[in-house]
Amino acid sequence: MAHILIMPRQGNTVESCIITDWKIKEGDTVTAETIVCEVETDKAAFEVPAGAAGTVLKIICESGDDVPVLAPIAVIGVQGEDWKSALGETTNNEKIKEGEVSPSVQHLSAGLPPHLGAAAPKTPPVSGETAAGVSPRARNLAAKEALPLDALAGTGPGGRIIERDINAALQNRPPLTAAAKAEGAGVIPQAGTGLGGRVTKADLFAVPSSSLSGEGAITETPIKGIRKIIADRMFMSLAESAQFTLNASARAARLQEIRSSIKAQSAFAEEMGLAKITINDLILFAVSRVLPRFPFMNAHKIGDTVKTFERVHLAAAVDTPRGLMVPVIRNANLLSLTQISSEAKRLAAACQNGTAKPDELSGSTFTVTNLGSLGITTFTPVLNAPEVAILGVGNIEMKPVALSESEKKECDCSCCTVRFEPQINFSLTINHQVVDGAPAARFLKALSEAAANIDLLLAAG
């Protein structure tokens, strides 16, 4: 019995995965451990093993397809075995039409791409006059290859379009992937970006256009894959919550002093596991210690219910080539500074190289995102739903601070009434549906005080 390889479930919250690369081709012999393809979610990349030994009878989905979890992606069996029978497709004396799937496997075919699934594939538009002058074989071939008929001239009797006209037109057009054929729309470029110059589905919508004189080339690129998932989640976050941002700053002198001291005592710091401590690590530590005093900030809003958490599962946003990822430092309020720093760096590295596990990218109760290294002062971070708050960390800049009475000199000039000191900027976004401005402001004030007195916070543990 042939083995139907399905898209594995990558964590409880993952609904679909994108196939980024097939490592095998049809006809290859594989073992159960052979890696057949690489897939990615909005959070991480994974390798998929064959799961059974045999011959690759059919690769169902194309590279670039966004496939629902548990949907079939390939069939592995004995050489010569009918892969369509393995999927439960109907057979008869005629050629099996792709898409005719028996009811017994409709639950599997629901995730198939259009050219293999239960839904009928898209066919190119054909005018009534053209339709009347096309042979059935020509029509079927044109539909299969997603070739519009309106622009073709027939060479059959009475100008009828026949099969050889379709074949001649296909010779002057680059080959299309199955996904591109199923789309049945878009401008076909002279060459595609797929294997052997095949035109992919993405190529149909990413053709440079220079038809507008004086504006140069224009490239239209569809939002898809991980970028589309991120875009949809950001939109839903804003659409489903009342987001409100507060800005504040905290004295950063002691943050900088601790960091400088660590650098100056590099040998001792290395021995103590402190050598790689950053200012961002110190902020994460401060957040982990302040949040338990404000449990309403360490919470989720799910429907009409607010869930507050005793422990802090702290997410730290990471910028990667694949897009924004948010790994989670579990039980951060119970970890030391060195443990938080080590875990943050381990998770960031896993996100960068695509090895982060689904469980490491979900379950956060509060998120910190830092744009300070890019020179950003303040910004409006978007909630990482269902969390009710997210902290944005800006850069450190010199700001004027009024002198105390004892510090003032006798003259009244401005230079004798203020001093400049480094301050770090914070932007706190809350869900105003469940968190009011004043309580959020008290949390932000407490965090600012903790950052300003980070040495005392570290001493307290």
Protein backbone atom coordinates (compact mmCIF):
# COMPACT_ATOMS: atom_id res chain seq x y z
CA MET A 1 0.00 0.00 0.00
CA ALA A 2 1.43 3.37 -1.00
CA HIS A 3 2.31 5.85 1.73
CA ILE A 4 0.63 9.27 1.51
CA LEU A 5 3.00 11.87 2.91
CA ILE A 6 1.06 14.69 4.55
CA MET A 7 2.13 18.14 5.67
CA PRO A 8 3.08 17.59 9.32
CA ARG A 9 1.61 19.76 12.03
CA GLN A 10 4.28 22.14 13.34
CA GLY A 11 2.84 23.17 16.69
CA ASN A 12 -0.74 23.58 17.83
CA THR A 13 -1.18 27.07 16.37
CA VAL A 14 0.21 26.39 12.88
CA GLU A 15 -2.51 25.99 10.24
CA SER A 16 -0.40 25.79 7.08
CA CYS A 17 3.21 25.60 5.90
CA ILE A 18 4.96 26.83 2.77
CA ILE A 19 7.06 24.33 0.82
CA THR A 20 10.33 26.14 0.16
CA ASP A 21 12.35 23.39 -1.53
CA TRP A 22 11.94 19.80 -2.66
CA LYS A 23 15.03 17.66 -2.02
CA ILE A 24 13.80 14.76 -4.17
CA LYS A 25 12.05 14.28 -7.50
CA GLU A 26 9.53 11.81 -8.82
CA GLY A 27 11.11 8.39 -9.39
CA ASP A 28 13.70 8.76 -6.63
CA THR A 29 14.17 5.98 -4.10
CA VAL A 30 13.94 7.08 -0.47
CA THR A 31 14.13 5.65 3.02
CA ALA A 32 11.85 6.58 5.88
CA GLU A 33 14.50 9.02 7.17
CA THR A 34 15.23 10.71 3.83
CA ILE A 35 14.56 14.46 3.94
CA VAL A 36 12.18 15.08 1.06
CA CYS A 37 11.47 18.80 1.44
CA GLU A 38 11.91 21.90 3.52
CA VAL A 39 8.89 23.85 4.77
CA GLU A 40 8.45 27.03 6.72
CA THR A 41 5.77 28.69 8.79
CA ASP A 42 5.54 32.32 9.81
CA LYS A 43 7.87 31.38 12.66
CA ALA A 44 10.50 28.85 11.58
CA ALA A 45 11.76 26.41 8.94
CA PHE A 46 11.62 22.62 9.19
CA GLU A 47 12.73 19.52 7.29
CA VAL A 48 10.17 16.84 6.41
CA PRO A 49 11.26 13.16 6.25
CA ALA A 50 9.68 10.69 3.87
CA GLY A 51 8.17 8.58 6.65
CA ALA A 52 8.30 5.38 4.57
CA ALA A 53 10.73 3.61 2.25
CA GLY A 54 9.99 3.29 -1.43
CA THR A 55 9.82 5.20 -4.69
CA VAL A 56 8.51 8.74 -4.98
CA LEU A 57 5.46 8.12 -7.15
CA LYS A 58 4.05 11.64 -7.16
CA ILE A 59 4.94 15.09 -5.84
CA ILE A 60 1.57 16.72 -5.34
CA CYS A 61 2.49 20.26 -4.33
CA GLU A 62 4.89 22.74 -5.92
CA SER A 63 7.67 24.65 -4.22
CA GLY A 64 6.13 27.89 -2.98
CA ASP A 65 2.70 26.35 -2.29
CA ASP A 66 1.08 27.26 1.02
CA VAL A 67 -0.27 23.87 2.13
CA PRO A 68 -2.68 23.26 5.04
CA VAL A 69 -1.35 20.94 7.74
CA LEU A 70 -2.35 17.27 7.33
CA ALA A 71 -2.92 17.75 3.57
CA PRO A 72 -1.14 15.31 1.20
CA ILE A 73 2.05 16.58 -0.42
CA ALA A 74 3.52 13.41 -1.98
CA VAL A 75 2.91 9.70 -2.53
CA ILE A 76 5.59 7.07 -1.87
CA GLY A 77 5.18 3.43 -2.84
CA VAL A 78 6.37 0.59 -5.07
CA GLN A 79 7.71 1.42 -8.52
CA GLY A 80 4.83 1.28 -11.00
CA GLU A 81 2.11 1.51 -8.35
CA ASP A 82 -0.84 3.76 -9.23
CA TRP A 83 -0.47 6.87 -7.04
CA LYS A 84 -3.97 8.00 -7.97
CA SER A 85 -5.45 4.84 -6.54
CA ALA A 86 -3.51 5.48 -3.36
CA LEU A 87 -5.29 8.80 -3.07
CA GLY A 88 -8.60 7.08 -3.80
CA GLU A 89 -9.25 8.76 -7.14
CA THR A 90 -11.85 7.23 -9.47
CA THR A 91 -10.61 5.21 -12.44
CA ASN A 92 -12.24 4.11 -15.67
CA ASN A 93 -11.33 3.39 -19.27
CA GLU A 94 -10.85 7.06 -20.02
CA LYS A 95 -7.87 9.11 -18.89
CA ILE A 96 -8.36 10.05 -15.23
CA LYS A 97 -9.14 13.72 -15.01
CA GLU A 98 -7.13 15.53 -12.40
CA GLY A 99 -9.39 16.76 -9.66
CA GLU A 100 -11.86 13.82 -9.65
CA VAL A 101 -11.37 12.61 -6.09
CA SER A 102 -13.60 10.00 -4.50
CA PRO A 103 -15.60 10.91 -1.39
CA SER A 104 -13.48 8.50 0.66
CA VAL A 105 -10.47 10.85 0.43
CA GLN A 106 -12.14 14.23 0.22
CA HIS A 107 -10.77 14.98 3.67
CA LEU A 108 -7.28 14.56 2.20
CA SER A 109 -7.85 16.34 -1.08
CA ALA A 110 -9.18 19.42 0.68
CA GLY A 111 -5.61 20.62 1.01
CA LEU A 112 -4.47 19.77 -2.51
CA PRO A 113 -3.42 22.49 -4.94
CA PRO A 114 -6.07 23.38 -7.54
CA HIS A 115 -4.55 21.17 -10.28
CA LEU A 116 -4.93 18.03 -8.12
CA GLY A 117 -7.66 18.82 -5.58
CA ALA A 118 -11.37 18.27 -5.60
CA ALA A 119 -12.06 21.77 -6.87
CA ALA A 120 -12.09 22.23 -10.63
CA PRO A 121 -9.04 24.06 -12.00
CA LYS A 122 -9.37 27.55 -13.37
CA THR A 123 -9.68 27.71 -17.14
CA PRO A 124 -8.67 30.62 -19.32
CA PRO A 125 -11.48 32.84 -20.56
CA VAL A 126 -12.76 31.93 -24.03
CA SER A 127 -15.11 34.07 -26.08
CA GLY A 128 -18.23 32.58 -27.54
CA GLU A 129 -16.98 32.84 -31.14
CA THR A 130 -13.68 31.20 -30.30
CA ALA A 131 -15.37 28.45 -28.35
CA ALA A 132 -17.41 27.49 -31.39
CA GLY A 133 -14.26 27.09 -33.48
CA VAL A 134 -12.15 24.90 -31.23
CA SER A 135 -11.81 21.14 -31.42
CA PRO A 136 -12.45 19.25 -28.16
CA ARG A 137 -8.85 18.00 -28.01
CA ALA A 138 -7.53 21.51 -28.56
CA ARG A 139 -9.84 22.90 -25.91
CA ASN A 140 -8.76 20.28 -23.33
CA LEU A 141 -5.07 20.88 -24.04
CA ALA A 142 -5.48 24.66 -23.83
CA ALA A 143 -7.32 24.35 -20.52
CA LYS A 144 -4.65 22.02 -19.15
CA GLU A 145 -1.84 24.41 -20.12
CA ALA A 146 -3.74 27.61 -19.14
CA LEU A 147 -3.43 28.94 -22.69
CA PRO A 148 -5.96 31.64 -23.71
CA LEU A 149 -7.61 30.89 -27.03
CA ASP A 150 -8.83 34.33 -28.08
CA ALA A 151 -5.52 35.38 -29.64
CA LEU A 152 -4.92 32.13 -31.55
CA ALA A 153 -5.52 31.70 -35.27
CA GLY A 154 -6.77 28.27 -36.30
CA THR A 155 -5.34 26.24 -39.17
CA GLY A 156 -8.11 23.66 -39.27
CA PRO A 157 -11.07 23.60 -41.64
CA GLY A 158 -12.82 26.96 -41.68
CA GLY A 159 -10.16 28.46 -39.41
CA ARG A 160 -10.97 26.07 -36.60
CA ILE A 161 -8.37 25.85 -33.80
CA ILE A 162 -7.04 22.32 -33.60
CA GLU A 163 -4.52 20.55 -31.39
CA ARG A 164 -1.48 21.39 -33.54
CA ASP A 165 -2.27 25.11 -33.16
CA ILE A 166 -2.13 24.72 -29.38
CA ASN A 167 1.18 22.84 -29.57
CA ALA A 168 2.65 25.51 -31.85
CA ALA A 169 1.63 28.25 -29.41
CA LEU A 170 3.09 26.32 -26.47
CA GLN A 171 6.45 26.03 -28.25
CA ASN A 172 6.69 29.83 -28.29
CA ARG A 173 5.86 30.13 -24.59
CA PRO A 174 8.03 29.10 -21.61
CA PRO A 175 6.78 26.12 -19.59
CA LEU A 176 4.57 26.82 -16.58
CA THR A 177 4.54 25.14 -13.19
CA ALA A 178 1.36 23.36 -12.17
CA ALA A 179 0.57 26.17 -9.73
CA ALA A 180 0.96 28.78 -12.47
CA LYS A 181 -1.30 26.79 -14.79
CA ALA A 182 -3.92 26.49 -12.08
CA GLU A 183 -3.90 30.26 -11.57
CA GLY A 184 -4.84 30.78 -15.21
CA ALA A 185 -4.20 34.54 -15.08
CA GLY A 186 -1.44 37.09 -15.17
CA VAL A 187 1.08 38.20 -17.77
CA ILE A 188 3.44 35.40 -18.79
CA PRO A 189 7.09 36.57 -18.95
CA GLN A 190 9.62 35.40 -21.53
CA ALA A 191 11.37 33.29 -18.90
CA GLY A 192 10.45 32.19 -15.39
CA THR A 193 12.38 31.88 -12.16
CA GLY A 194 11.57 28.19 -11.64
CA LEU A 195 13.68 25.19 -12.54
CA GLY A 196 14.64 25.21 -16.22
CA GLY A 197 13.11 28.64 -16.67
CA ARG A 198 9.64 27.48 -15.73
CA VAL A 199 7.17 30.26 -14.97
CA THR A 200 5.95 30.03 -11.39
CA LYS A 201 2.76 31.41 -9.93
CA ALA A 202 4.72 34.30 -8.43
CA ASP A 203 6.20 35.16 -11.84
CA LEU A 204 2.71 35.84 -13.17
CA PHE A 205 2.40 38.83 -10.85
CA ALA A 206 6.01 40.02 -10.65
CA VAL A 207 6.61 41.05 -14.23
CA PRO A 208 8.45 44.39 -14.54
CA SER A 209 6.43 46.94 -16.48
CA SER A 210 7.83 49.97 -18.28
CA SER A 211 4.67 50.92 -20.15
CA LEU A 212 4.44 54.28 -18.34
CA SER A 213 6.92 56.57 -20.04
CA GLY A 214 9.14 58.61 -17.78
CA GLU A 215 8.61 56.44 -14.67
CA GLY A 216 11.06 53.64 -15.35
CA ALA A 217 10.43 49.98 -14.65
CA ILE A 218 7.73 49.02 -12.15
CA THR A 219 7.79 45.68 -10.35
CA GLU A 220 4.66 44.27 -8.77
CA THR A 221 5.37 41.60 -6.15
CA PRO A 222 2.52 39.74 -4.44
CA ILE A 223 2.45 39.64 -0.66
CA LYS A 224 2.59 35.95 0.12
CA GLY A 225 4.08 33.33 2.40
CA ILE A 226 5.43 34.49 5.73
CA ARG A 227 5.16 38.17 4.82
CA LYS A 228 1.43 37.73 4.14
CA ILE A 229 0.92 35.87 7.42
CA ILE A 230 2.69 38.64 9.33
CA ALA A 231 0.68 41.29 7.48
CA ASP A 232 -2.61 39.55 8.26
CA ARG A 233 -1.74 39.16 11.95
CA MET A 234 -0.72 42.79 12.29
CA PHE A 235 -3.97 43.88 10.64
CA MET A 236 -6.06 41.62 12.86
CA SER A 237 -4.21 42.86 15.95
CA LEU A 238 -5.15 46.45 15.14
CA ALA A 239 -8.67 45.56 14.01
CA GLU A 240 -9.59 43.54 17.10
CA SER A 241 -8.11 45.66 19.90
CA ALA A 242 -8.12 49.28 21.07
CA GLN A 243 -4.41 50.04 21.00
CA PHE A 244 -3.04 53.00 22.92
CA THR A 245 0.64 53.95 23.33
CA LEU A 246 2.36 55.76 26.21
CA ASN A 247 5.92 57.13 25.97
CA ALA A 248 8.42 57.68 28.77
CA SER A 249 12.16 57.78 29.38
CA ALA A 250 14.42 56.55 32.15
CA ARG A 251 17.86 57.56 33.36
CA ALA A 252 20.34 55.27 31.62
CA ALA A 253 23.58 56.21 33.36
CA ARG A 254 23.67 53.10 35.54
CA LEU A 255 22.74 50.85 32.61
CA GLN A 256 25.74 52.23 30.75
CA GLU A 257 27.99 52.02 33.80
CA ILE A 258 27.23 48.34 34.33
CA ARG A 259 27.84 47.59 30.65
CA SER A 260 31.13 49.53 30.70
CA SER A 261 32.23 47.77 33.88
CA ILE A 262 31.62 44.38 32.28
CA LYS A 263 33.73 45.39 29.27
CA ALA A 264 36.52 46.68 31.50
CA GLN A 265 36.63 43.44 33.50
CA SER A 266 36.42 41.13 30.50
CA ALA A 267 38.37 38.20 32.02
CA PHE A 268 36.36 38.21 35.24
CA ALA A 269 33.12 38.81 33.33
CA GLU A 270 33.87 35.84 31.07
CA GLU A 271 34.46 33.64 34.11
CA MET A 272 31.17 34.75 35.66
CA GLY A 273 29.22 34.33 32.41
CA LEU A 274 28.59 38.06 32.12
CA ALA A 275 30.79 38.91 29.14
CA LYS A 276 27.94 39.03 26.62
CA ILE A 277 25.47 40.98 28.73
CA THR A 278 23.89 43.83 26.74
CA ILE A 279 21.75 46.77 27.74
CA ASN A 280 18.81 44.99 26.13
CA ASP A 281 19.44 42.01 28.44
CA LEU A 282 19.31 44.39 31.41
CA ILE A 283 15.97 45.77 30.17
CA LEU A 284 14.57 42.24 29.74
CA PHE A 285 15.67 41.47 33.31
CA ALA A 286 13.99 44.64 34.59
CA VAL A 287 10.75 43.82 32.77
CA SER A 288 10.74 40.29 34.19
CA ARG A 289 11.02 41.66 37.73
CA VAL A 290 8.49 44.50 37.42
CA LEU A 291 5.71 42.60 35.62
CA PRO A 292 4.72 40.35 38.58
CA ARG A 293 3.84 43.52 40.50
CA PHE A 294 1.38 44.42 37.72
CA PRO A 295 -0.31 41.12 36.80
CA PHE A 296 -2.94 42.86 34.64
CA MET A 297 -0.10 43.67 32.22
CA ASN A 298 1.04 40.04 32.06
CA ALA A 299 -2.19 38.81 30.52
CA HIS A 300 -4.12 37.67 27.47
CA LYS A 301 -7.49 38.87 26.19
CA ILE A 302 -9.35 35.97 24.62
CA GLY A 303 -12.88 36.88 23.59
CA ASP A 304 -14.57 38.33 26.65
CA THR A 305 -12.12 36.71 29.06
CA VAL A 306 -8.87 38.08 30.49
CA LYS A 307 -6.30 35.48 31.58
CA THR A 308 -3.56 36.73 33.91
CA PHE A 309 -0.37 34.75 34.44
CA GLU A 310 1.71 34.28 37.57
CA ARG A 311 4.86 33.59 35.59
CA VAL A 312 6.39 35.81 32.94
CA HIS A 313 6.93 34.18 29.56
CA LEU A 314 8.82 37.01 27.95
CA ALA A 315 8.94 37.35 24.15
CA ALA A 316 11.82 39.28 22.56
CA ALA A 317 11.25 40.33 18.95
CA VAL A 318 14.01 39.31 16.51
CA ASP A 319 14.58 40.76 13.03
CA THR A 320 15.48 37.94 10.61
CA PRO A 321 15.88 37.66 6.83
CA ARG A 322 12.55 35.81 6.81
CA GLY A 323 10.72 38.53 8.71
CA LEU A 324 9.89 39.37 12.31
CA MET A 325 10.04 36.44 14.73
CA VAL A 326 9.18 36.48 18.43
CA PRO A 327 10.84 33.72 20.48
CA VAL A 328 9.84 33.24 24.10
CA ILE A 329 12.01 33.18 27.24
CA ARG A 330 10.05 30.85 29.53
CA ASN A 331 9.67 31.67 33.22
CA ALA A 332 11.80 34.80 32.83
CA ASN A 333 10.86 36.06 36.30
CA LEU A 334 12.61 33.02 37.79
CA LEU A 335 15.82 33.35 35.75
CA SER A 336 18.97 35.25 36.61
CA LEU A 337 20.40 37.99 34.40
CA THR A 338 22.94 35.61 32.89
CA GLN A 339 20.25 33.00 32.22
CA ILE A 340 17.98 35.56 30.53
CA SER A 341 20.90 36.83 28.44
CA SER A 342 21.97 33.33 27.42
CA GLU A 343 18.45 32.23 26.52
CA ALA A 344 17.74 35.41 24.56
CA LYS A 345 20.87 34.91 22.46
CA ARG A 346 20.21 31.21 21.91
CA LEU A 347 16.68 31.88 20.71
CA ALA A 348 17.76 34.79 18.49
CA ALA A 349 20.38 32.58 16.83
CA ALA A 350 17.81 29.82 16.28
CA CYS A 351 15.49 32.34 14.62
CA GLN A 352 18.27 33.65 12.40
CA ASN A 353 19.28 30.21 11.12
CA GLY A 354 15.74 28.84 10.93
CA THR A 355 16.04 26.14 13.60
CA ALA A 356 13.68 27.60 16.19
CA LYS A 357 11.05 25.10 17.32
CA PRO A 358 7.32 25.92 17.29
CA ASP A 359 7.10 25.68 21.08
CA GLU A 360 9.87 28.28 21.36
CA LEU A 361 7.82 30.73 19.32
CA SER A 362 4.47 30.61 21.11
CA GLY A 363 2.95 31.05 24.55
CA SER A 364 4.37 34.47 25.43
CA THR A 365 2.58 36.67 27.98
CA PHE A 366 4.42 39.96 27.32
CA THR A 367 6.63 41.16 24.46
CA VAL A 368 9.64 43.47 24.24
CA THR A 369 10.78 44.87 20.89
CA ASN A 370 13.95 46.98 20.67
CA LEU A 371 14.67 49.43 17.83
CA GLY A 372 17.15 51.52 19.80
CA SER A 373 20.15 50.14 17.91
CA LEU A 374 18.66 51.59 14.71
CA GLY A 375 18.50 55.09 16.19
CA ILE A 376 14.74 55.06 16.80
CA THR A 377 13.66 57.27 19.70
CA THR A 378 10.00 56.34 20.18
CA PHE A 379 7.55 54.33 18.09
CA THR A 380 4.20 52.56 18.29
CA PRO A 381 4.70 48.81 18.70
CA VAL A 382 1.75 46.66 17.60
CA LEU A 383 0.32 44.22 20.14
CA ASN A 384 1.36 40.60 19.84
CA ALA A 385 -2.20 39.28 20.25
CA PRO A 386 -3.66 37.94 22.47
CA GLU A 387 -1.27 39.80 24.80
CA VAL A 388 -2.59 43.04 26.29
CA ALA A 389 0.70 44.96 26.30
CA ILE A 390 3.99 45.29 24.43
CA LEU A 391 7.04 47.37 25.30
CA GLY A 392 9.05 49.19 22.65
CA VAL A 393 12.62 50.15 23.58
CA GLY A 394 14.18 53.15 21.87
CA ASN A 395 17.71 54.54 21.81
CA ILE A 396 19.65 56.25 24.55
CA GLU A 397 20.01 60.01 24.07
CA MET A 398 21.15 62.99 26.09
CA LYS A 399 18.26 64.94 27.63
CA PRO A 400 18.17 68.03 29.89
CA VAL A 401 17.32 67.44 33.56
CA ALA A 402 16.60 70.22 36.04
CA LEU A 403 19.21 70.64 38.76
CA SER A 404 18.19 70.30 42.37
CA GLU A 405 18.38 73.33 44.61
CA SER A 406 21.62 72.12 46.12
CA GLU A 407 23.16 71.67 42.67
CA LYS A 408 22.25 75.09 41.34
CA LYS A 409 24.77 77.88 41.17
CA GLU A 410 24.10 81.50 42.04
CA CYS A 411 23.69 82.72 38.46
CA ASP A 412 20.40 82.28 36.62
CA CYS A 413 21.70 81.24 33.18
CA SER A 414 20.24 78.06 31.70
CA CYS A 415 23.55 76.21 31.86
CA CYS A 416 23.47 76.53 35.63
CA THR A 417 19.90 75.29 36.10
CA VAL A 418 19.94 72.09 33.99
CA ARG A 419 22.32 69.26 33.23
CA PHE A 420 22.31 66.73 30.42
CA GLU A 421 22.25 63.03 31.14
CA PRO A 422 21.66 59.85 29.08
CA GLN A 423 18.09 58.55 29.05
CA ILE A 424 16.59 55.46 27.44
CA ASN A 425 13.21 55.77 25.73
CA PHE A 426 10.25 53.45 26.25
CA SER A 427 7.02 53.09 24.23
CA LEU A 428 4.30 51.01 25.87
CA THR A 429 1.29 49.91 23.79
CA ILE A 430 -1.70 48.52 25.69
CA ASN A 431 -5.07 47.08 24.77
CA HIS A 432 -7.32 49.80 26.15
CA GLN A 433 -10.22 47.34 26.17
CA VAL A 434 -8.80 45.73 29.31
CA VAL A 435 -5.99 48.01 30.53
CA ASP A 436 -6.65 51.64 31.44
CA GLY A 437 -4.18 54.44 30.88
CA ALA A 438 -3.43 55.24 34.53
CA PRO A 439 -2.54 51.65 35.60
CA ALA A 440 -0.42 51.29 32.47
CA ALA A 441 1.32 54.57 33.29
CA ARG A 442 2.10 53.30 36.80
CA PHE A 443 3.66 50.18 35.32
CA LEU A 444 5.74 52.26 32.92
CA LYS A 445 6.86 54.52 35.75
CA ALA A 446 7.88 51.52 37.85
CA LEU A 447 9.81 50.07 34.92
CA SER A 448 11.57 53.38 34.33
CA GLU A 449 12.61 53.50 37.98
CA ALA A 450 13.82 49.91 37.83
CA ALA A 451 15.92 50.65 34.74
CA ALA A 452 17.33 53.81 36.32
CA ASN A 453 18.30 51.84 39.44
CA ILE A 454 19.26 48.61 37.71
CA ASP A 455 22.16 48.03 40.10
CA LEU A 456 19.77 47.88 43.06
CA LEU A 457 17.42 45.60 41.12
CA LEU A 458 20.29 43.22 40.36
CA ALA A 459 21.33 43.22 43.99
CA ALA A 460 17.79 42.25 45.01
CA GLY A 461 17.87 39.41 42.48
